[in-house]
């Protein structure tokens, strides 16, 4: 992996409470807002190399662009006050107090599942009532589910799918992706076993071709991922193209924790 070029010049506005890693909302010299995650602020993990999460986020954006789906906000290498890391375009989320409605992934009463949604998990709410975790059967959300299969996302929580003020759905938080072993953990299982649409297969074939040999996508990702991770990505894409279906969950626990 090679050094990444500096991205936007950032000024920190405030820290974002977000678990164990350092995350900041920043503004650049043009007044554009970004999420900034310095590599030095990453909590060490046992199954991912130290300081590698920012590069994985940039790699996820690179794959999203290659698919042609524009699922991930622009994500670039950045040098901010906390040192090198990554910066991602800020998503202004819809305000549910002003615009009521269901989020792409939400919790519903077991006997009141709205139309156009599919339950993926059943359990008990805080008051002991029967509830389901369900997601919308939305084309863009379906592509996020397929994208997660491609990048081997170990952390697709419901809260990692955002809706902006125009109603557009975005996928964020891809630091735990691209492992060489199967790490897929997602709440988006509603399409398991279904055929992949022809247009999605075509996008996968484009990515497969870009990963072959010295293809442009392979070259871009070699600056961000280990060689074995790029090979594993190529193998996952090839398997999806050959299988032509959304795979069902494999052995082991297929859900992230927490779910949101």
Foldseek 3Di string as FASTA:
>chain_A
DADFDADFAWDFDAWDDDPQFTWTWTAGPVRFIKIWGALVRDDDDPQDDRSQLQLQQQLLVLLCVLLVLPFAAHKGWHQYPNGTGMIGGDFAFADCVVVPDDQQKDKDQPVCDDPQKDFDAWDADPVRGIITTIGGPDPSVVVVLVSCLLFLALAAASVQWGAHNVRDIHGDDRSRTLRLDRRAAHRPQPFAPPFDDPSSLVSLVSVLVQLPDVRPSVVVSVNRDPPSSSVSSNVSSVVCNVVRGHHHDDPDHRHDPPRD
